[in-house]
Amino acid sequence: MRKWVILAALIVVIDQITKYIIVQKFALHETLVVTPFFNLVRVHNTGAAFSMLADAGGWQRVFFIVIAIAASVWVVWLLRRYPQQKLFCLALGMILGGAIGNLIDRVLFGAVVDFVQVHYAGYFFPAFNVADSAITCGAVLFIWDGIKPPRLTPS
């Protein structure tokens, strides 16, 4: 379990360092065009993924904090229960790191700091951050682990 907690901690550190740099260097909503399809932009998301519930009036902050804490406790329990399942634990470690990274933002700022903006032909994907990327990659691995054929062990 130790290596998965270390992975989660590394994700939290990288996430918080990148957010700190953005908060120090960018004003809210300031944008830096990096390539024709990629910008750095500082936005604060009070909602969940894709800004769901962002305009809910404030109650969502506590709601998302409680969900993040509960999910983190559940993930740690799963890591302890299934240490032999490497891909499963890798996915959980990534999800744990992302959840804690965004939890820190919600507690400190009341919103999650997002800064990666990808766009094409006038369509802008919602801004995201390192924690969001870790959660997404972890979720993909989690799904993959659930649908991949089981390994046959020699009898």
Protein backbone atom coordinates (compact mmCIF):
# COMPACT_ATOMS: atom_id res chain seq x y z
CA MET A 1 0.00 0.00 0.00
CA ARG A 2 2.91 2.30 0.74
CA LYS A 3 3.89 2.86 -2.90
CA TRP A 4 0.31 3.82 -3.84
CA VAL A 5 0.13 6.36 -1.02
CA ILE A 6 3.51 7.75 -2.16
CA LEU A 7 2.11 8.02 -5.71
CA ALA A 8 -0.92 9.87 -4.38
CA ALA A 9 1.34 12.19 -2.36
CA LEU A 10 3.48 12.94 -5.45
CA ILE A 11 0.34 13.81 -7.41
CA VAL A 12 -0.79 16.14 -4.61
CA VAL A 13 2.62 17.85 -4.50
CA ILE A 14 2.82 18.33 -8.29
CA ASP A 15 -0.81 19.50 -8.37
CA GLN A 16 -0.34 22.02 -5.58
CA ILE A 17 2.96 23.36 -6.96
CA THR A 18 1.45 23.94 -10.41
CA LYS A 19 -1.61 25.63 -8.90
CA TYR A 20 0.59 27.80 -6.67
CA ILE A 21 2.57 28.97 -9.70
CA ILE A 22 -0.62 29.79 -11.62
CA VAL A 23 -2.11 31.69 -8.67
CA GLN A 24 1.13 33.66 -8.23
CA LYS A 25 1.64 34.49 -11.92
CA PHE A 26 -1.91 34.89 -13.29
CA ALA A 27 -4.80 37.13 -12.35
CA LEU A 28 -8.19 35.46 -12.24
CA HIS A 29 -9.33 34.72 -15.83
CA GLU A 30 -5.99 35.84 -17.29
CA THR A 31 -5.03 33.74 -20.32
CA LEU A 32 -1.72 32.93 -21.96
CA VAL A 33 -1.93 31.46 -25.45
CA VAL A 34 0.71 28.73 -25.68
CA THR A 35 -0.20 27.01 -28.97
CA PRO A 36 -3.13 27.29 -31.41
CA PHE A 37 -4.95 24.63 -29.34
CA PHE A 38 -3.59 25.09 -25.79
CA ASN A 39 -3.82 27.96 -23.30
CA LEU A 40 -2.90 28.51 -19.70
CA VAL A 41 -5.74 30.27 -17.90
CA ARG A 42 -6.55 30.84 -14.25
CA VAL A 43 -10.10 29.96 -13.34
CA HIS A 44 -11.71 28.93 -10.08
CA ASN A 45 -14.33 26.19 -10.26
CA THR A 46 -16.80 26.12 -7.36
CA GLY A 47 -18.56 23.13 -8.90
CA ALA A 48 -17.59 19.60 -9.81
CA ALA A 49 -16.41 18.30 -13.17
CA PHE A 50 -17.46 20.56 -16.05
CA SER A 51 -18.58 23.14 -13.44
CA MET A 52 -21.63 21.11 -12.44
CA LEU A 53 -23.36 22.82 -9.51
CA ALA A 54 -21.04 25.83 -9.78
CA ASP A 55 -24.02 28.18 -9.39
CA ALA A 56 -25.63 26.25 -6.54
CA GLY A 57 -25.35 29.05 -4.00
CA GLY A 58 -22.43 27.89 -1.86
CA TRP A 59 -23.73 24.71 -0.22
CA GLN A 60 -21.83 22.65 -2.80
CA ARG A 61 -18.48 23.51 -1.21
CA VAL A 62 -19.24 21.51 1.95
CA PHE A 63 -20.94 18.81 -0.12
CA PHE A 64 -17.85 18.31 -2.32
CA ILE A 65 -15.52 18.42 0.69
CA VAL A 66 -17.53 15.67 2.40
CA ILE A 67 -17.59 13.59 -0.79
CA ALA A 68 -13.82 13.99 -1.27
CA ILE A 69 -13.09 12.94 2.31
CA ALA A 70 -15.45 9.96 2.12
CA ALA A 71 -14.02 8.89 -1.25
CA SER A 72 -10.46 9.20 0.05
CA VAL A 73 -11.24 7.05 3.09
CA TRP A 74 -12.92 4.45 0.85
CA VAL A 75 -9.95 4.44 -1.56
CA VAL A 76 -7.49 3.89 1.30
CA TRP A 77 -9.67 1.03 2.55
CA LEU A 78 -9.65 -0.51 -0.95
CA LEU A 79 -5.87 -0.11 -1.19
CA ARG A 80 -5.47 -1.99 2.10
CA ARG A 81 -7.94 -4.69 1.09
CA TYR A 82 -6.58 -5.46 -2.41
CA PRO A 83 -2.82 -4.81 -2.35
CA GLN A 84 -2.10 -7.67 -4.76
CA GLN A 85 -4.10 -6.06 -7.59
CA LYS A 86 -1.48 -3.76 -9.09
CA LEU A 87 -3.48 -2.05 -11.86
CA PHE A 88 -6.44 -1.56 -9.53
CA CYS A 89 -4.18 -0.01 -6.89
CA LEU A 90 -2.42 2.19 -9.45
CA ALA A 91 -5.82 3.53 -10.51
CA LEU A 92 -6.84 4.10 -6.90
CA GLY A 93 -3.56 5.85 -6.07
CA MET A 94 -4.09 8.28 -8.95
CA ILE A 95 -7.70 8.92 -7.94
CA LEU A 96 -6.67 9.43 -4.31
CA GLY A 97 -3.97 11.95 -5.24
CA GLY A 98 -6.34 13.90 -7.46
CA ALA A 99 -9.14 13.89 -4.90
CA ILE A 100 -6.83 15.19 -2.16
CA GLY A 101 -5.33 17.83 -4.48
CA ASN A 102 -8.75 19.25 -5.29
CA LEU A 103 -9.88 18.86 -1.66
CA ILE A 104 -7.04 21.11 -0.53
CA ASP A 105 -8.22 23.80 -2.98
CA ARG A 106 -11.82 23.59 -1.79
CA VAL A 107 -10.76 23.91 1.84
CA LEU A 108 -8.27 26.76 1.23
CA PHE A 109 -9.98 28.74 -1.55
CA GLY A 110 -13.58 27.55 -1.65
CA ALA A 111 -13.02 26.49 -5.27
CA VAL A 112 -10.68 24.37 -7.36
CA VAL A 113 -7.94 26.20 -9.28
CA ASP A 114 -7.97 25.11 -12.93
CA PHE A 115 -5.47 26.26 -15.54
CA VAL A 116 -5.12 23.90 -18.51
CA GLN A 117 -7.35 24.92 -21.40
CA VAL A 118 -7.54 22.91 -24.61
CA HIS A 119 -9.51 24.20 -27.59
CA TYR A 120 -10.14 23.61 -31.26
CA ALA A 121 -12.17 25.44 -33.92
CA GLY A 122 -13.81 27.72 -31.37
CA TYR A 123 -14.74 24.88 -28.99
CA PHE A 124 -13.13 25.17 -25.56
CA PHE A 125 -12.94 22.10 -23.34
CA PRO A 126 -13.50 23.09 -19.69
CA ALA A 127 -10.26 24.07 -17.96
CA PHE A 128 -8.69 21.43 -15.73
CA ASN A 129 -5.61 20.79 -13.59
CA VAL A 130 -3.13 18.06 -12.60
CA ALA A 131 -5.51 16.59 -10.01
CA ASP A 132 -8.31 16.36 -12.58
CA SER A 133 -5.92 14.63 -15.00
CA ALA A 134 -4.89 12.12 -12.33
CA ILE A 135 -8.53 11.38 -11.47
CA THR A 136 -9.38 10.92 -15.16
CA CYS A 137 -6.39 8.64 -15.85
CA GLY A 138 -7.13 6.70 -12.67
CA ALA A 139 -10.78 6.28 -13.70
CA VAL A 140 -9.73 5.01 -17.15
CA LEU A 141 -7.35 2.49 -15.53
CA PHE A 142 -10.07 1.51 -13.05
CA ILE A 143 -12.48 0.79 -15.92
CA TRP A 144 -9.77 -1.03 -17.87
CA ASP A 145 -9.01 -3.17 -14.84
CA GLY A 146 -12.69 -4.07 -14.58
CA ILE A 147 -13.14 -5.09 -18.23
CA LYS A 148 -9.82 -6.69 -19.11
CA PRO A 149 -9.82 -10.48 -19.25
CA PRO A 150 -8.57 -12.06 -16.02
CA ARG A 151 -5.08 -13.48 -16.01
CA LEU A 152 -5.06 -17.23 -16.04
CA THR A 153 -2.80 -18.73 -13.45
CA PRO A 154 -1.06 -22.04 -14.24
CA SER A 155 -2.51 -24.98 -12.36
